[in-house]
Amino acid sequence: MNAANVHPEAISTWAPQRQMTLAQARRRSEMVGLLRMLFVAGAAISAGIMIGPIAASALSGATVQVDRIPGDQVVTMVNARFTGRNIAGEAYVITAETARRQRADSRVVDLTNPKLIDERGTEITAPEGVYRQGEAVLDLSGDVQVIDGQGYTFNSTAARVYIEDGRVIGLEPLDGGGPLGDVRADSYEITDDGDRVILRGNVDMVINPRSNEETEAPNGE
């Protein structure tokens, strides 16, 4: 196209339109710049929110303290379990629903529903007990029940078990029975890991005749 052929009115209208376009471009550039500034500021604020607590925690780390249990509070263990071996080298296990160490001596533990089991199959249970770990002694009270591996069951209201010696002493009345018959006494002592039972005071014993016949039958053949 030749400039001579361009209509004069077209040239006169084009110049203002070009000026308006440049002004809009400037405003757009200013708007873009403002948006960039707002975006950078927002990013800085977000970073400050995230990093600020971390930095503050790092700077004040020297003053952070771990919560500790006061000395006058007692820790209770649930489903407690204690294991060991007696003088003969036989293993035993003491379990309890709960165990709470006494404040005066941490080696003394109060037990709820304790149970003592040894390798020979002897089980001793009671509603309450006190386990003296340093002495390997278990004091039981309430409905104490002793079941040995030979099928005998003894009931009493109190018993002291010397675990390492395999010995049980009771100063309260005892009653029970097994394959040979029934027995009652004012006090008792079980030694040699249950192989020997000593009864004292008003001892009543009922022997099962069938047990005598069964034990004598092999000799009569």
Protein backbone atom coordinates (compact mmCIF):
# COMPACT_ATOMS: atom_id res chain seq x y z
CA MET A 1 0.00 0.00 0.00
CA ASN A 2 1.23 3.52 -0.88
CA ALA A 3 1.12 6.26 1.73
CA ALA A 4 -0.44 8.49 -0.87
CA ASN A 5 -3.43 6.24 -1.03
CA VAL A 6 -4.07 6.34 2.78
CA HIS A 7 -7.04 8.44 3.68
CA PRO A 8 -6.16 11.43 5.92
CA GLU A 9 -8.96 10.62 8.36
CA ALA A 10 -7.49 7.17 9.02
CA ILE A 11 -4.17 8.70 10.02
CA SER A 12 -5.85 11.18 12.30
CA THR A 13 -7.82 8.47 14.15
CA TRP A 14 -4.92 6.04 14.45
CA ALA A 15 -2.66 8.30 16.55
CA PRO A 16 -5.06 8.68 19.55
CA GLN A 17 -5.81 4.98 19.54
CA ARG A 18 -2.08 4.22 19.71
CA GLN A 19 -1.70 6.63 22.62
CA MET A 20 -4.56 4.91 24.49
CA THR A 21 -2.99 1.51 23.90
CA LEU A 22 0.33 2.66 25.35
CA ALA A 23 -1.43 4.04 28.42
CA GLN A 24 -3.27 0.76 28.96
CA ALA A 25 0.01 -1.09 28.61
CA ARG A 26 1.60 1.13 31.27
CA ARG A 27 -1.31 0.55 33.62
CA ARG A 28 -1.13 -3.17 32.96
CA SER A 29 2.60 -3.18 33.70
CA GLU A 30 1.97 -1.28 36.92
CA MET A 31 -0.78 -3.77 37.85
CA VAL A 32 1.52 -6.71 37.13
CA GLY A 33 4.24 -5.14 39.24
CA LEU A 34 1.82 -4.58 42.10
CA LEU A 35 0.61 -8.17 41.90
CA ARG A 36 4.21 -9.38 41.96
CA MET A 37 4.89 -7.33 45.07
CA LEU A 38 1.75 -8.70 46.75
CA PHE A 39 2.73 -12.26 45.81
CA VAL A 40 6.26 -11.84 47.19
CA ALA A 41 4.89 -10.30 50.39
CA GLY A 42 2.38 -13.13 50.79
CA ALA A 43 5.09 -15.72 50.27
CA ALA A 44 7.27 -14.04 52.88
CA ILE A 45 4.42 -13.94 55.37
CA SER A 46 3.64 -17.64 54.78
CA ALA A 47 7.29 -18.56 55.22
CA GLY A 48 7.42 -16.56 58.41
CA ILE A 49 4.37 -18.37 59.78
CA MET A 50 5.96 -21.76 59.04
CA ILE A 51 9.55 -21.02 59.99
CA GLY A 52 8.88 -18.71 62.92
CA PRO A 53 7.79 -21.35 65.47
CA ILE A 54 10.64 -23.64 64.43
CA ALA A 55 13.19 -20.89 64.84
CA ALA A 56 11.67 -19.80 68.13
CA SER A 57 11.75 -23.36 69.40
CA ALA A 58 15.37 -23.74 68.34
CA LEU A 59 16.38 -20.48 69.99
CA SER A 60 14.57 -21.33 73.21
CA GLY A 61 15.63 -24.98 73.25
CA ALA A 62 17.70 -24.44 76.35
CA THR A 63 14.57 -23.66 78.33
CA VAL A 64 12.50 -26.65 77.11
CA GLN A 65 11.92 -29.16 79.92
CA VAL A 66 10.75 -32.77 79.84
CA ASP A 67 7.79 -33.48 82.09
CA ARG A 68 8.96 -35.60 85.00
CA ILE A 69 6.91 -37.58 87.45
CA PRO A 70 7.18 -36.08 90.94
CA GLY A 71 8.82 -38.25 93.56
CA ASP A 72 5.68 -38.39 95.66
CA GLN A 73 3.69 -40.02 92.85
CA VAL A 74 3.61 -43.79 92.35
CA VAL A 75 3.75 -45.49 88.98
CA THR A 76 1.30 -48.37 88.47
CA MET A 77 2.18 -51.14 86.02
CA VAL A 78 -0.63 -53.00 84.27
CA ASN A 79 -0.28 -56.73 83.48
CA ALA A 80 2.97 -56.83 85.43
CA ARG A 81 5.38 -59.73 85.01
CA PHE A 82 8.43 -60.70 87.10
CA THR A 83 10.73 -63.60 86.28
CA GLY A 84 13.65 -65.30 88.01
CA ARG A 85 15.18 -68.59 89.15
CA ASN A 86 15.32 -70.30 92.52
CA ILE A 87 18.34 -71.87 94.17
CA ALA A 88 17.85 -75.07 92.16
CA GLY A 89 17.99 -73.10 88.93
CA GLU A 90 14.32 -73.60 88.15
CA ALA A 91 12.52 -70.69 86.54
CA TYR A 92 9.48 -69.00 88.03
CA VAL A 93 7.08 -66.30 86.87
CA ILE A 94 5.02 -63.86 88.92
CA THR A 95 2.17 -62.10 87.12
CA ALA A 96 -0.36 -59.57 88.39
CA GLU A 97 -3.13 -57.40 87.02
CA THR A 98 -1.46 -54.34 88.51
CA ALA A 99 1.80 -53.68 90.33
CA ARG A 100 2.60 -50.53 92.31
CA ARG A 101 5.97 -49.83 93.88
CA GLN A 102 5.84 -48.46 97.40
CA ARG A 103 7.11 -44.95 98.05
CA ALA A 104 9.28 -45.91 101.00
CA ASP A 105 11.09 -48.70 99.14
CA SER A 106 10.88 -49.14 95.36
CA ARG A 107 11.91 -52.81 95.72
CA VAL A 108 8.63 -53.54 97.52
CA VAL A 109 5.73 -53.92 95.07
CA ASP A 110 2.02 -54.13 95.89
CA LEU A 111 0.26 -56.62 93.60
CA THR A 112 -3.36 -57.11 92.57
CA ASN A 113 -4.44 -60.69 91.78
CA PRO A 114 -0.89 -62.09 91.78
CA LYS A 115 -0.05 -65.55 90.49
CA LEU A 116 3.18 -67.50 90.99
CA ILE A 117 4.01 -70.36 88.61
CA ASP A 118 7.14 -72.52 88.68
CA GLU A 119 8.60 -75.20 86.42
CA ARG A 120 7.05 -78.03 88.46
CA GLY A 121 3.56 -76.80 87.69
CA THR A 122 2.83 -75.31 91.10
CA GLU A 123 0.46 -72.34 91.01
CA ILE A 124 -0.18 -69.98 93.91
CA THR A 125 -2.82 -67.27 93.55
CA ALA A 126 -4.41 -64.64 95.80
CA PRO A 127 -6.43 -61.42 95.51
CA GLU A 128 -3.63 -59.33 97.01
CA GLY A 129 0.09 -59.64 97.47
CA VAL A 130 3.32 -57.86 98.29
CA TYR A 131 6.46 -58.80 96.38
CA ARG A 132 9.78 -57.99 98.05
CA GLN A 133 12.16 -58.18 95.11
CA GLY A 134 15.33 -57.76 97.14
CA GLU A 135 14.46 -60.75 99.34
CA ALA A 136 12.57 -62.77 96.70
CA VAL A 137 9.65 -63.08 99.12
CA LEU A 138 5.98 -62.99 98.15
CA ASP A 139 3.37 -62.29 100.85
CA LEU A 140 -0.17 -63.26 99.85
CA SER A 141 -3.47 -62.48 101.56
CA GLY A 142 -7.17 -63.07 100.99
CA ASP A 143 -8.33 -66.26 99.32
CA VAL A 144 -4.93 -67.92 98.89
CA GLN A 145 -4.93 -71.05 96.77
CA VAL A 146 -2.02 -73.42 96.22
CA ILE A 147 -2.20 -76.01 93.42
CA ASP A 148 0.77 -78.33 93.02
CA GLY A 149 1.75 -80.47 90.08
CA GLN A 150 0.44 -83.67 91.75
CA GLY A 151 -3.19 -82.58 91.83
CA TYR A 152 -3.47 -81.23 95.36
CA THR A 153 -5.26 -77.97 96.13
CA PHE A 154 -4.83 -76.09 99.40
CA ASN A 155 -6.76 -73.02 100.54
CA SER A 156 -5.82 -70.50 103.21
CA THR A 157 -6.18 -66.82 104.03
CA ALA A 158 -2.49 -65.92 104.15
CA ALA A 159 0.83 -67.30 103.00
CA ARG A 160 4.44 -66.26 102.69
CA VAL A 161 6.39 -67.70 99.78
CA TYR A 162 10.17 -67.84 99.90
CA ILE A 163 10.61 -68.14 96.17
CA GLU A 164 14.30 -68.93 95.94
CA ASP A 165 14.02 -71.62 98.66
CA GLY A 166 10.86 -73.17 97.21
CA ARG A 167 9.13 -72.84 100.58
CA VAL A 168 5.63 -71.69 101.62
CA ILE A 169 4.71 -70.84 105.22
CA GLY A 170 1.19 -70.19 106.45
CA LEU A 171 0.20 -69.12 109.96
CA GLU A 172 -3.49 -69.23 109.12
CA PRO A 173 -5.69 -72.36 108.96
CA LEU A 174 -5.31 -74.56 105.91
CA ASP A 175 -7.72 -76.95 104.24
CA GLY A 176 -7.47 -78.84 101.02
CA GLY A 177 -7.27 -82.18 99.36
CA GLY A 178 -6.03 -84.28 96.51
CA PRO A 179 -5.64 -87.83 95.29
CA LEU A 180 -4.88 -89.24 98.77
CA GLY A 181 -7.66 -87.44 100.66
CA ASP A 182 -8.55 -84.23 102.50
CA VAL A 183 -6.65 -82.35 105.18
CA ARG A 184 -7.08 -79.45 107.59
CA ALA A 185 -4.65 -77.74 109.98
CA ASP A 186 -4.16 -74.52 111.95
CA SER A 187 -0.83 -73.77 110.26
CA TYR A 188 1.32 -75.34 107.60
CA GLU A 189 4.64 -75.32 105.82
CA ILE A 190 5.35 -76.55 102.32
CA THR A 191 9.01 -77.25 101.56
CA ASP A 192 11.20 -78.83 98.88
CA ASP A 193 9.18 -77.16 96.11
CA GLY A 194 5.99 -78.86 97.25
CA ASP A 195 7.39 -82.35 97.84
CA ARG A 196 6.93 -82.06 101.62
CA VAL A 197 3.97 -80.65 103.60
CA ILE A 198 4.16 -80.05 107.35
CA LEU A 199 0.86 -79.54 109.21
CA ARG A 200 0.58 -78.15 112.72
CA GLY A 201 -2.24 -77.64 115.25
CA ASN A 202 -5.58 -79.50 115.19
CA VAL A 203 -4.68 -81.53 112.16
CA ASP A 204 -7.58 -83.44 110.60
CA MET A 205 -6.91 -85.82 107.75
CA VAL A 206 -9.21 -88.09 105.80
CA ILE A 207 -7.49 -90.73 103.69
CA ASN A 208 -9.15 -91.83 100.50
CA PRO A 209 -9.44 -95.67 100.61
CA ARG A 210 -9.43 -95.92 96.86
CA SER A 211 -6.06 -94.22 96.76
CA ASN A 212 -4.67 -96.83 99.17
CA GLU A 213 -6.02 -99.66 97.05
CA GLU A 214 -4.54 -98.13 93.92
CA THR A 215 -1.14 -97.73 95.54
CA GLU A 216 -1.18 -101.23 97.05
CA ALA A 217 -2.44 -103.03 93.93
CA PRO A 218 0.95 -103.18 92.17
CA ASN A 219 2.57 -104.73 95.24
CA GLY A 220 -0.15 -107.40 95.51
CA GLU A 221 0.34 -108.68 91.99
